[in-house]
């Protein structure tokens, strides 16, 4: 029976928590002044930075998944669980990115269809 590497599971959990907090920051959840104000341009920059870092993290997960898969295909590693875990991490990250994109597009369409 294969053993579960607890440090890898904990690092995966930390990555998900980090990505979740980045998405929460991007959505403005937990901010002190959700209606904006004097620091709106600073918040807009922060949104862009948080979103860009979240996309970079998803890209990193995709690249890691590809590298681990190629390593398995070449026979350099035999840990299929690590390969599947990396692929699932990349898949979940990508799906979350798609959902955020869909919500942003929906919000944009709603705003654009509002009468002035």
C-alpha atoms as a PDB file:
ATOM      1  CA  UNK A   1       0.000   0.000   0.000  1.00  0.00           C
ATOM      2  CA  UNK A   2       1.541   3.350  -1.002  1.00  0.00           C
ATOM      3  CA  UNK A   3       2.326   5.835   1.711  1.00  0.00           C
ATOM      4  CA  UNK A   4       1.052   9.399   1.651  1.00  0.00           C
ATOM      5  CA  UNK A   5       3.676  12.107   1.904  1.00  0.00           C
ATOM      6  CA  UNK A   6       2.167  14.446   4.492  1.00  0.00           C
ATOM      7  CA  UNK A   7       4.547  17.298   3.700  1.00  0.00           C
ATOM      8  CA  UNK A   8       3.419  17.286   0.083  1.00  0.00           C
ATOM      9  CA  UNK A   9      -0.246  17.295   1.121  1.00  0.00           C
ATOM     10  CA  UNK A  10       0.403  20.171   3.524  1.00  0.00           C
ATOM     11  CA  UNK A  11       2.231  22.151   0.839  1.00  0.00           C
ATOM     12  CA  UNK A  12      -0.672  21.549  -1.540  1.00  0.00           C
ATOM     13  CA  UNK A  13      -3.079  22.781   1.138  1.00  0.00           C
ATOM     14  CA  UNK A  14      -0.947  25.875   1.677  1.00  0.00           C
ATOM     15  CA  UNK A  15      -0.974  26.575  -2.054  1.00  0.00           C
ATOM     16  CA  UNK A  16      -4.769  26.316  -2.155  1.00  0.00           C
ATOM     17  CA  UNK A  17      -5.120  28.578   0.883  1.00  0.00           C
ATOM     18  CA  UNK A  18      -2.744  31.094  -0.699  1.00  0.00           C
ATOM     19  CA  UNK A  19      -4.658  31.044  -3.978  1.00  0.00           C
ATOM     20  CA  UNK A  20      -7.969  31.341  -2.151  1.00  0.00           C
ATOM     21  CA  UNK A  21      -6.757  34.342  -0.174  1.00  0.00           C
ATOM     22  CA  UNK A  22      -5.445  35.945  -3.368  1.00  0.00           C
ATOM     23  CA  UNK A  23      -8.834  35.474  -5.011  1.00  0.00           C
ATOM     24  CA  UNK A  24     -10.564  36.885  -1.926  1.00  0.00           C
ATOM     25  CA  UNK A  25      -8.291  39.922  -2.026  1.00  0.00           C
ATOM     26  CA  UNK A  26      -9.041  40.306  -5.731  1.00  0.00           C
ATOM     27  CA  UNK A  27     -12.765  40.181  -4.997  1.00  0.00           C
ATOM     28  CA  UNK A  28     -12.389  42.753  -2.217  1.00  0.00           C
ATOM     29  CA  UNK A  29     -13.618  40.456   0.530  1.00  0.00           C
ATOM     30  CA  UNK A  30     -12.409  41.547   3.920  1.00  0.00           C
ATOM     31  CA  UNK A  31     -11.268  45.016   2.890  1.00  0.00           C
ATOM     32  CA  UNK A  32     -11.788  47.821   5.383  1.00  0.00           C
ATOM     33  CA  UNK A  33     -13.487  50.174   2.906  1.00  0.00           C
ATOM     34  CA  UNK A  34     -15.318  48.155   0.222  1.00  0.00           C
ATOM     35  CA  UNK A  35     -16.875  51.243  -1.392  1.00  0.00           C
ATOM     36  CA  UNK A  36     -13.570  52.751  -2.424  1.00  0.00           C
ATOM     37  CA  UNK A  37     -12.623  56.320  -1.716  1.00  0.00           C
ATOM     38  CA  UNK A  38      -9.331  58.170  -1.817  1.00  0.00           C
ATOM     39  CA  UNK A  39      -7.276  55.029  -2.497  1.00  0.00           C
ATOM     40  CA  UNK A  40      -9.270  53.699  -5.465  1.00  0.00           C
ATOM     41  CA  UNK A  41      -6.365  53.859  -7.914  1.00  0.00           C
ATOM     42  CA  UNK A  42      -4.182  52.080  -5.372  1.00  0.00           C
ATOM     43  CA  UNK A  43      -6.853  49.366  -4.992  1.00  0.00           C
ATOM     44  CA  UNK A  44      -7.115  49.043  -8.772  1.00  0.00           C
ATOM     45  CA  UNK A  45      -3.363  48.483  -8.910  1.00  0.00           C
ATOM     46  CA  UNK A  46      -3.603  46.006  -6.049  1.00  0.00           C
ATOM     47  CA  UNK A  47      -6.375  44.139  -7.887  1.00  0.00           C
ATOM     48  CA  UNK A  48      -4.201  43.912 -10.977  1.00  0.00           C
ATOM     49  CA  UNK A  49      -1.218  42.735  -8.952  1.00  0.00           C
ATOM     50  CA  UNK A  50      -3.216  40.106  -7.090  1.00  0.00           C
ATOM     51  CA  UNK A  51      -4.852  38.871 -10.283  1.00  0.00           C
ATOM     52  CA  UNK A  52      -1.514  38.758 -12.083  1.00  0.00           C
ATOM     53  CA  UNK A  53       0.093  36.822  -9.224  1.00  0.00           C
ATOM     54  CA  UNK A  54      -2.831  34.363  -9.210  1.00  0.00           C
ATOM     55  CA  UNK A  55      -2.396  33.828 -12.952  1.00  0.00           C
ATOM     56  CA  UNK A  56       1.338  33.355 -12.468  1.00  0.00           C
ATOM     57  CA  UNK A  57       0.631  30.722  -9.810  1.00  0.00           C
ATOM     58  CA  UNK A  58      -1.755  28.885 -12.147  1.00  0.00           C
ATOM     59  CA  UNK A  59       0.877  29.026 -14.890  1.00  0.00           C
ATOM     60  CA  UNK A  60       3.456  27.648 -12.461  1.00  0.00           C
ATOM     61  CA  UNK A  61       1.121  24.760 -11.581  1.00  0.00           C
ATOM     62  CA  UNK A  62       0.590  24.018 -15.293  1.00  0.00           C
ATOM     63  CA  UNK A  63       4.340  24.019 -15.986  1.00  0.00           C
ATOM     64  CA  UNK A  64       5.000  21.802 -12.956  1.00  0.00           C
ATOM     65  CA  UNK A  65       2.319  19.384 -14.107  1.00  0.00           C
ATOM     66  CA  UNK A  66       3.855  19.190 -17.565  1.00  0.00           C
ATOM     67  CA  UNK A  67       7.351  18.658 -16.175  1.00  0.00           C
ATOM     68  CA  UNK A  68       6.237  15.900 -13.782  1.00  0.00           C
ATOM     69  CA  UNK A  69       4.210  14.197 -16.522  1.00  0.00           C
ATOM     70  CA  UNK A  70       7.135  14.268 -18.943  1.00  0.00           C
ATOM     71  CA  UNK A  71       9.433  12.940 -16.229  1.00  0.00           C
ATOM     72  CA  UNK A  72       7.049  10.036 -15.641  1.00  0.00           C
ATOM     73  CA  UNK A  73       6.773   9.346 -19.373  1.00  0.00           C
ATOM     74  CA  UNK A  74      10.578   9.209 -19.674  1.00  0.00           C
ATOM     75  CA  UNK A  75      10.722   6.757 -16.765  1.00  0.00           C
ATOM     76  CA  UNK A  76      12.671   9.094 -14.487  1.00  0.00           C
ATOM     77  CA  UNK A  77      10.062   8.795 -11.752  1.00  0.00           C
ATOM     78  CA  UNK A  78       7.684   5.989 -10.825  1.00  0.00           C
ATOM     79  CA  UNK A  79       5.468   7.883  -8.373  1.00  0.00           C
ATOM     80  CA  UNK A  80       2.168   7.962 -10.268  1.00  0.00           C
ATOM     81  CA  UNK A  81       0.455   9.530  -7.249  1.00  0.00           C
ATOM     82  CA  UNK A  82       2.727  12.588  -7.465  1.00  0.00           C
ATOM     83  CA  UNK A  83       2.014  12.863 -11.184  1.00  0.00           C
ATOM     84  CA  UNK A  84      -1.732  12.677 -10.694  1.00  0.00           C
ATOM     85  CA  UNK A  85      -1.597  15.112  -7.775  1.00  0.00           C
ATOM     86  CA  UNK A  86       0.320  17.664  -9.865  1.00  0.00           C
ATOM     87  CA  UNK A  87      -2.118  17.231 -12.748  1.00  0.00           C
ATOM     88  CA  UNK A  88      -5.132  17.664 -10.463  1.00  0.00           C
ATOM     89  CA  UNK A  89      -3.604  20.766  -8.871  1.00  0.00           C
ATOM     90  CA  UNK A  90      -3.107  22.269 -12.308  1.00  0.00           C
ATOM     91  CA  UNK A  91      -6.617  21.286 -13.351  1.00  0.00           C
ATOM     92  CA  UNK A  92      -8.246  22.807 -10.260  1.00  0.00           C
ATOM     93  CA  UNK A  93      -6.225  26.000 -10.655  1.00  0.00           C
ATOM     94  CA  UNK A  94      -7.176  26.283 -14.307  1.00  0.00           C
ATOM     95  CA  UNK A  95     -10.865  25.636 -13.603  1.00  0.00           C
ATOM     96  CA  UNK A  96     -10.842  28.265 -10.843  1.00  0.00           C
ATOM     97  CA  UNK A  97      -9.251  30.737 -13.251  1.00  0.00           C
ATOM     98  CA  UNK A  98     -11.936  30.003 -15.835  1.00  0.00           C
ATOM     99  CA  UNK A  99     -14.683  30.530 -13.268  1.00  0.00           C
ATOM    100  CA  UNK A 100     -13.193  33.865 -12.177  1.00  0.00           C
ATOM    101  CA  UNK A 101     -12.909  34.912 -15.816  1.00  0.00           C
ATOM    102  CA  UNK A 102     -16.523  33.946 -16.465  1.00  0.00           C
ATOM    103  CA  UNK A 103     -17.715  35.906 -13.429  1.00  0.00           C
ATOM    104  CA  UNK A 104     -15.703  38.960 -14.469  1.00  0.00           C
ATOM    105  CA  UNK A 105     -17.099  38.814 -18.002  1.00  0.00           C
ATOM    106  CA  UNK A 106     -20.617  38.422 -16.667  1.00  0.00           C
ATOM    107  CA  UNK A 107     -20.162  41.418 -14.362  1.00  0.00           C
ATOM    108  CA  UNK A 108     -18.738  43.459 -17.230  1.00  0.00           C
ATOM    109  CA  UNK A 109     -21.698  42.589 -19.464  1.00  0.00           C
ATOM    110  CA  UNK A 110     -24.133  43.473 -16.680  1.00  0.00           C
ATOM    111  CA  UNK A 111     -22.451  46.827 -16.134  1.00  0.00           C
ATOM    112  CA  UNK A 112     -22.354  47.594 -19.849  1.00  0.00           C
ATOM    113  CA  UNK A 113     -26.047  46.807 -20.248  1.00  0.00           C
ATOM    114  CA  UNK A 114     -27.084  49.166 -17.443  1.00  0.00           C
ATOM    115  CA  UNK A 115     -28.873  52.314 -18.610  1.00  0.00           C
ATOM    116  CA  UNK A 116     -26.980  55.521 -17.944  1.00  0.00           C
END
